C-alpha atoms as a PDB file:
ATOM      1  CA  UNK A   1       5.983  18.382  30.645  1.00  0.00           C
ATOM      2  CA  UNK A   2       8.158  15.843  28.780  1.00  0.00           C
ATOM      3  CA  UNK A   3       7.013  12.425  29.513  1.00  0.00           C
ATOM      4  CA  UNK A   4       8.031   8.730  27.740  1.00  0.00           C
ATOM      5  CA  UNK A   5       5.781   6.338  28.317  1.00  0.00           C
ATOM      6  CA  UNK A   6       6.159   2.330  27.300  1.00  0.00           C
ATOM      7  CA  UNK A   7       2.522   1.168  26.080  1.00  0.00           C
ATOM      8  CA  UNK A   8       2.330  -2.700  25.519  1.00  0.00           C
ATOM      9  CA  UNK A   9      -0.103  -4.421  22.324  1.00  0.00           C
ATOM     10  CA  UNK A  10      -3.581  -4.336  23.289  1.00  0.00           C
ATOM     11  CA  UNK A  11      -6.723  -5.733  21.825  1.00  0.00           C
ATOM     12  CA  UNK A  12      -8.418  -2.736  23.118  1.00  0.00           C
ATOM     13  CA  UNK A  13      -8.900   0.946  22.920  1.00  0.00           C
ATOM     14  CA  UNK A  14      -6.694   2.745  25.423  1.00  0.00           C
ATOM     15  CA  UNK A  15      -7.920   6.797  26.015  1.00  0.00           C
ATOM     16  CA  UNK A  16      -6.331   9.495  26.999  1.00  0.00           C
ATOM     17  CA  UNK A  17      -6.709  13.120  27.637  1.00  0.00           C
ATOM     18  CA  UNK A  18      -5.332  14.836  25.250  1.00  0.00           C
ATOM     19  CA  UNK A  19      -4.992  18.741  25.491  1.00  0.00           C
ATOM     20  CA  UNK A  20      -5.185  21.683  22.885  1.00  0.00           C
ATOM     21  CA  UNK A  21      -1.428  22.161  21.844  1.00  0.00           C
ATOM     22  CA  UNK A  22      -0.153  18.535  23.152  1.00  0.00           C
ATOM     23  CA  UNK A  23       1.974  17.092  20.426  1.00  0.00           C
ATOM     24  CA  UNK A  24       3.034  13.132  20.362  1.00  0.00           C
ATOM     25  CA  UNK A  25       5.387  11.949  19.020  1.00  0.00           C
ATOM     26  CA  UNK A  26       5.349   7.711  18.694  1.00  0.00           C
ATOM     27  CA  UNK A  27       8.302   4.702  18.050  1.00  0.00           C
ATOM     28  CA  UNK A  28       6.356   1.623  16.914  1.00  0.00           C
ATOM     29  CA  UNK A  29       8.379  -1.900  17.293  1.00  0.00           C
ATOM     30  CA  UNK A  30       7.751  -4.146  14.980  1.00  0.00           C
ATOM     31  CA  UNK A  31       5.498  -6.870  16.250  1.00  0.00           C
ATOM     32  CA  UNK A  32       7.619  -9.961  17.554  1.00  0.00           C
ATOM     33  CA  UNK A  33      10.529  -7.937  18.506  1.00  0.00           C
ATOM     34  CA  UNK A  34       9.455  -6.070  22.331  1.00  0.00           C
ATOM     35  CA  UNK A  35      11.011  -9.131  23.530  1.00  0.00           C
ATOM     36  CA  UNK A  36      14.904  -9.987  22.081  1.00  0.00           C
ATOM     37  CA  UNK A  37      15.031  -6.366  21.266  1.00  0.00           C
ATOM     38  CA  UNK A  38      14.430  -4.386  25.167  1.00  0.00           C
ATOM     39  CA  UNK A  39      14.272  -7.561  26.743  1.00  0.00           C
ATOM     40  CA  UNK A  40      10.483  -7.753  28.077  1.00  0.00           C
ATOM     41  CA  UNK A  41       8.245 -10.295  27.791  1.00  0.00           C
ATOM     42  CA  UNK A  42       5.885  -9.041  25.229  1.00  0.00           C
ATOM     43  CA  UNK A  43       2.749 -11.363  27.432  1.00  0.00           C
ATOM     44  CA  UNK A  44       3.401  -9.009  30.750  1.00  0.00           C
ATOM     45  CA  UNK A  45       3.437  -5.860  28.748  1.00  0.00           C
ATOM     46  CA  UNK A  46      -0.374  -6.606  27.297  1.00  0.00           C
ATOM     47  CA  UNK A  47      -2.966  -3.761  28.062  1.00  0.00           C
ATOM     48  CA  UNK A  48       0.165  -1.815  29.868  1.00  0.00           C
ATOM     49  CA  UNK A  49       0.650   1.797  30.224  1.00  0.00           C
ATOM     50  CA  UNK A  50       3.246   2.865  32.603  1.00  0.00           C
ATOM     51  CA  UNK A  51       6.250   5.249  32.606  1.00  0.00           C
ATOM     52  CA  UNK A  52       9.035   3.982  30.349  1.00  0.00           C
ATOM     53  CA  UNK A  53      11.221   4.218  33.285  1.00  0.00           C
ATOM     54  CA  UNK A  54       9.018   1.833  35.841  1.00  0.00           C
ATOM     55  CA  UNK A  55      10.539  -1.578  33.039  1.00  0.00           C
ATOM     56  CA  UNK A  56      13.600   0.237  32.031  1.00  0.00           C
ATOM     57  CA  UNK A  57      15.124   2.717  33.853  1.00  0.00           C
ATOM     58  CA  UNK A  58      18.545   2.645  32.277  1.00  0.00           C
ATOM     59  CA  UNK A  59      16.605   3.213  28.862  1.00  0.00           C
ATOM     60  CA  UNK A  60      14.185   6.378  30.465  1.00  0.00           C
ATOM     61  CA  UNK A  61      17.919   8.102  31.613  1.00  0.00           C
ATOM     62  CA  UNK A  62      19.734   7.955  28.440  1.00  0.00           C
ATOM     63  CA  UNK A  63      16.732   9.602  26.771  1.00  0.00           C
ATOM     64  CA  UNK A  64      14.868  12.171  29.561  1.00  0.00           C
ATOM     65  CA  UNK A  65      18.236  14.300  29.106  1.00  0.00           C
ATOM     66  CA  UNK A  66      18.418  14.736  25.416  1.00  0.00           C
ATOM     67  CA  UNK A  67      14.428  14.587  24.980  1.00  0.00           C
ATOM     68  CA  UNK A  68      14.203  17.264  27.277  1.00  0.00           C
ATOM     69  CA  UNK A  69      16.165  19.947  24.884  1.00  0.00           C
ATOM     70  CA  UNK A  70      14.811  18.894  21.789  1.00  0.00           C
ATOM     71  CA  UNK A  71      13.433  21.157  19.566  1.00  0.00           C
ATOM     72  CA  UNK A  72      12.278  19.147  16.971  1.00  0.00           C
ATOM     73  CA  UNK A  73      10.412  16.273  15.507  1.00  0.00           C
ATOM     74  CA  UNK A  74      13.693  15.223  13.435  1.00  0.00           C
ATOM     75  CA  UNK A  75      15.621  15.529  16.245  1.00  0.00           C
ATOM     76  CA  UNK A  76      13.321  13.794  18.743  1.00  0.00           C
ATOM     77  CA  UNK A  77      13.532  10.723  16.527  1.00  0.00           C
ATOM     78  CA  UNK A  78      17.470  11.051  16.200  1.00  0.00           C
ATOM     79  CA  UNK A  79      17.143  10.880  19.828  1.00  0.00           C
ATOM     80  CA  UNK A  80      14.791   7.780  20.055  1.00  0.00           C
ATOM     81  CA  UNK A  81      17.267   6.073  17.208  1.00  0.00           C
ATOM     82  CA  UNK A  82      20.546   6.708  18.910  1.00  0.00           C
ATOM     83  CA  UNK A  83      18.799   4.864  21.928  1.00  0.00           C
ATOM     84  CA  UNK A  84      17.954   1.925  20.234  1.00  0.00           C
ATOM     85  CA  UNK A  85      21.044   1.915  18.312  1.00  0.00           C
ATOM     86  CA  UNK A  86      22.597   1.379  21.446  1.00  0.00           C
ATOM     87  CA  UNK A  87      20.384  -1.538  22.557  1.00  0.00           C
ATOM     88  CA  UNK A  88      22.110  -5.320  22.262  1.00  0.00           C
ATOM     89  CA  UNK A  89      18.852  -7.068  20.699  1.00  0.00           C
ATOM     90  CA  UNK A  90      18.945 -10.960  20.993  1.00  0.00           C
ATOM     91  CA  UNK A  91      17.650 -13.100  17.785  1.00  0.00           C
ATOM     92  CA  UNK A  92      14.039 -13.099  17.093  1.00  0.00           C
ATOM     93  CA  UNK A  93      11.089 -15.416  16.486  1.00  0.00           C
ATOM     94  CA  UNK A  94      11.792 -14.514  12.490  1.00  0.00           C
ATOM     95  CA  UNK A  95       8.720 -17.680  11.575  1.00  0.00           C
ATOM     96  CA  UNK A  96       6.301 -15.240  14.065  1.00  0.00           C
ATOM     97  CA  UNK A  97       7.467 -11.932  12.463  1.00  0.00           C
ATOM     98  CA  UNK A  98       7.064 -12.768   9.002  1.00  0.00           C
ATOM     99  CA  UNK A  99       3.844 -13.602   9.914  1.00  0.00           C
ATOM    100  CA  UNK A 100       3.166 -10.561  11.722  1.00  0.00           C
ATOM    101  CA  UNK A 101       4.396  -9.203   8.425  1.00  0.00           C
ATOM    102  CA  UNK A 102       2.158 -11.539   6.336  1.00  0.00           C
ATOM    103  CA  UNK A 103      -0.909 -10.728   8.701  1.00  0.00           C
ATOM    104  CA  UNK A 104      -0.468  -6.971   8.100  1.00  0.00           C
ATOM    105  CA  UNK A 105      -0.016  -6.954   4.257  1.00  0.00           C
ATOM    106  CA  UNK A 106      -3.497  -8.635   4.094  1.00  0.00           C
ATOM    107  CA  UNK A 107      -5.009  -6.623   6.208  1.00  0.00           C
ATOM    108  CA  UNK A 108      -5.644  -9.055   8.605  1.00  0.00           C
ATOM    109  CA  UNK A 109      -7.820 -11.815   6.400  1.00  0.00           C
ATOM    110  CA  UNK A 110      -4.975 -14.688   6.518  1.00  0.00           C
ATOM    111  CA  UNK A 111      -6.820 -17.384   8.428  1.00  0.00           C
ATOM    112  CA  UNK A 112      -4.178 -19.323  11.154  1.00  0.00           C
ATOM    113  CA  UNK A 113      -3.604 -22.097   9.744  1.00  0.00           C
ATOM    114  CA  UNK A 114      -1.605 -21.188   6.722  1.00  0.00           C
ATOM    115  CA  UNK A 115       0.633 -18.746   9.008  1.00  0.00           C
ATOM    116  CA  UNK A 116       1.658 -21.900  10.718  1.00  0.00           C
ATOM    117  CA  UNK A 117       2.323 -23.858   7.100  1.00  0.00           C
ATOM    118  CA  UNK A 118       4.461 -21.295   6.101  1.00  0.00           C
ATOM    119  CA  UNK A 119       6.146 -21.159  10.158  1.00  0.00           C
ATOM    120  CA  UNK A 120       6.608 -25.049   8.950  1.00  0.00           C
ATOM    121  CA  UNK A 121       3.951 -25.184  12.864  1.00  0.00           C
ATOM    122  CA  UNK A 122       1.198 -26.878  14.042  1.00  0.00           C
ATOM    123  CA  UNK A 123      -1.960 -24.497  14.867  1.00  0.00           C
ATOM    124  CA  UNK A 124      -1.295 -24.681  18.085  1.00  0.00           C
ATOM    125  CA  UNK A 125       2.778 -23.762  18.523  1.00  0.00           C
ATOM    126  CA  UNK A 126       1.891 -20.829  16.113  1.00  0.00           C
ATOM    127  CA  UNK A 127      -0.275 -19.604  18.038  1.00  0.00           C
ATOM    128  CA  UNK A 128       1.490 -20.178  21.324  1.00  0.00           C
ATOM    129  CA  UNK A 129       4.611 -19.088  19.477  1.00  0.00           C
ATOM    130  CA  UNK A 130       2.609 -15.493  18.298  1.00  0.00           C
ATOM    131  CA  UNK A 131       1.228 -15.299  21.233  1.00  0.00           C
ATOM    132  CA  UNK A 132       5.342 -15.200  23.353  1.00  0.00           C
ATOM    133  CA  UNK A 133       6.068 -13.241  20.728  1.00  0.00           C
ATOM    134  CA  UNK A 134       3.873 -10.206  20.195  1.00  0.00           C
ATOM    135  CA  UNK A 135       1.707 -10.466  22.975  1.00  0.00           C
ATOM    136  CA  UNK A 136      -2.084 -11.066  21.473  1.00  0.00           C
ATOM    137  CA  UNK A 137      -3.102 -14.087  20.201  1.00  0.00           C
ATOM    138  CA  UNK A 138      -2.847 -14.285  16.193  1.00  0.00           C
ATOM    139  CA  UNK A 139      -6.800 -14.031  16.312  1.00  0.00           C
ATOM    140  CA  UNK A 140      -6.599 -10.968  17.713  1.00  0.00           C
ATOM    141  CA  UNK A 141      -3.756  -9.201  16.101  1.00  0.00           C
ATOM    142  CA  UNK A 142      -5.393 -10.242  12.884  1.00  0.00           C
ATOM    143  CA  UNK A 143      -8.972  -8.480  14.608  1.00  0.00           C
ATOM    144  CA  UNK A 144      -6.691  -5.117  15.250  1.00  0.00           C
ATOM    145  CA  UNK A 145      -5.860  -4.888  11.732  1.00  0.00           C
ATOM    146  CA  UNK A 146      -9.103  -5.816  10.234  1.00  0.00           C
ATOM    147  CA  UNK A 147     -10.767  -2.856  12.260  1.00  0.00           C
ATOM    148  CA  UNK A 148      -7.389  -0.629  11.310  1.00  0.00           C
ATOM    149  CA  UNK A 149      -7.204  -1.209   7.840  1.00  0.00           C
ATOM    150  CA  UNK A 150     -11.937  -1.076   7.406  1.00  0.00           C
ATOM    151  CA  UNK A 151     -10.877   2.146   9.153  1.00  0.00           C
ATOM    152  CA  UNK A 152      -8.237   3.637   6.471  1.00  0.00           C
ATOM    153  CA  UNK A 153     -10.814   2.657   4.462  1.00  0.00           C
ATOM    154  CA  UNK A 154     -13.269   4.659   5.830  1.00  0.00           C
ATOM    155  CA  UNK A 155     -11.414   7.887   5.709  1.00  0.00           C
ATOM    156  CA  UNK A 156      -9.852   7.466   2.021  1.00  0.00           C
ATOM    157  CA  UNK A 157     -13.423   6.963   0.655  1.00  0.00           C
ATOM    158  CA  UNK A 158     -16.232   8.975   3.422  1.00  0.00           C
ATOM    159  CA  UNK A 159     -18.786   8.339   0.716  1.00  0.00           C
ATOM    160  CA  UNK A 160     -19.053   4.431   0.826  1.00  0.00           C
ATOM    161  CA  UNK A 161     -20.688   3.930   3.521  1.00  0.00           C
ATOM    162  CA  UNK A 162     -20.206   1.168   5.747  1.00  0.00           C
ATOM    163  CA  UNK A 163     -21.619  -1.576   3.772  1.00  0.00           C
ATOM    164  CA  UNK A 164     -18.646  -2.287   1.387  1.00  0.00           C
ATOM    165  CA  UNK A 165     -16.048  -1.758   3.900  1.00  0.00           C
ATOM    166  CA  UNK A 166     -18.106  -4.253   6.208  1.00  0.00           C
ATOM    167  CA  UNK A 167     -17.705  -6.980   3.121  1.00  0.00           C
ATOM    168  CA  UNK A 168     -14.416  -6.073   2.468  1.00  0.00           C
ATOM    169  CA  UNK A 169     -13.243  -6.508   5.928  1.00  0.00           C
ATOM    170  CA  UNK A 170     -14.923  -9.944   6.280  1.00  0.00           C
ATOM    171  CA  UNK A 171     -18.290  -8.505   9.090  1.00  0.00           C
ATOM    172  CA  UNK A 172     -21.592 -10.052   8.970  1.00  0.00           C
ATOM    173  CA  UNK A 173     -22.825  -6.421   8.432  1.00  0.00           C
ATOM    174  CA  UNK A 174     -22.536  -3.074   9.491  1.00  0.00           C
ATOM    175  CA  UNK A 175     -23.779  -3.336  12.892  1.00  0.00           C
ATOM    176  CA  UNK A 176     -20.907  -6.220  13.945  1.00  0.00           C
ATOM    177  CA  UNK A 177     -18.712  -3.828  12.466  1.00  0.00           C
ATOM    178  CA  UNK A 178     -19.669  -1.228  14.123  1.00  0.00           C
ATOM    179  CA  UNK A 179     -19.107  -3.300  17.271  1.00  0.00           C
ATOM    180  CA  UNK A 180     -16.172  -3.857  16.354  1.00  0.00           C
ATOM    181  CA  UNK A 181     -14.200  -0.458  15.655  1.00  0.00           C
ATOM    182  CA  UNK A 182     -15.864   0.632  19.238  1.00  0.00           C
ATOM    183  CA  UNK A 183     -14.190  -1.758  20.441  1.00  0.00           C
ATOM    184  CA  UNK A 184     -10.668  -1.110  18.756  1.00  0.00           C
ATOM    185  CA  UNK A 185     -11.302   2.022  18.703  1.00  0.00           C
ATOM    186  CA  UNK A 186     -12.904   3.100  21.565  1.00  0.00           C
ATOM    187  CA  UNK A 187     -16.196   5.018  19.602  1.00  0.00           C
ATOM    188  CA  UNK A 188     -17.980   3.910  16.690  1.00  0.00           C
ATOM    189  CA  UNK A 189     -17.048   4.664  13.067  1.00  0.00           C
ATOM    190  CA  UNK A 190     -18.779   8.250  12.678  1.00  0.00           C
ATOM    191  CA  UNK A 191     -16.958   9.786  15.424  1.00  0.00           C
ATOM    192  CA  UNK A 192     -13.898   8.284  15.294  1.00  0.00           C
ATOM    193  CA  UNK A 193     -13.175   9.442  11.575  1.00  0.00           C
ATOM    194  CA  UNK A 194     -14.218  12.687  12.733  1.00  0.00           C
ATOM    195  CA  UNK A 195     -11.841  12.337  15.583  1.00  0.00           C
ATOM    196  CA  UNK A 196      -9.079  11.620  13.024  1.00  0.00           C
ATOM    197  CA  UNK A 197      -9.555  13.866  10.573  1.00  0.00           C
ATOM    198  CA  UNK A 198      -8.712  16.975  13.404  1.00  0.00           C
ATOM    199  CA  UNK A 199      -5.336  15.320  13.983  1.00  0.00           C
ATOM    200  CA  UNK A 200      -2.792  17.534  12.608  1.00  0.00           C
ATOM    201  CA  UNK A 201      -0.736  13.430  11.169  1.00  0.00           C
ATOM    202  CA  UNK A 202       3.292  15.192  10.370  1.00  0.00           C
ATOM    203  CA  UNK A 203       6.517  13.655  10.160  1.00  0.00           C
ATOM    204  CA  UNK A 204       5.722  10.306   9.798  1.00  0.00           C
ATOM    205  CA  UNK A 205       8.127   7.578   8.986  1.00  0.00           C
END
């Protein structure tokens, strides 16, 4: 059985049951484009996990039939691309999109004041516009990206242990990093990295 699920932005881990043989194909929207592309208020989607049909019935209807007969990840990708290209987006907040890109590129380490300055906004204006566009505060967004970068480093350098990763990510110590990983990924670093290594990641575009 195939289902299209809309998952909103969240600062915390989301867990779901996965059975042997299950396959997931995700379409990740760039931070800041949810509202202009889908017509949904990003803060209203915070920590939301719901069938797409409940929020966007027309889009779900365009996807359901073709996805039911899709035979490959490539075909599924083309179906999603076609449906998304048929949408009529509104102009996005480019200052916030650029700020989100900068945060992602820095691994979540850039301070809010420098991002606000680059956008020619006060810190208060920047925080408000960032949360409106992405559904997360700049601090929450940066935290998720920082922890994600730390987990990627753990996977790439498993022999180094947590100490250098904690130092690189700006955490006070290994215990603080562990707590952050538990919050964002739903488990301690050892179990998270072990679980990720078991996933067969294919066709990542």
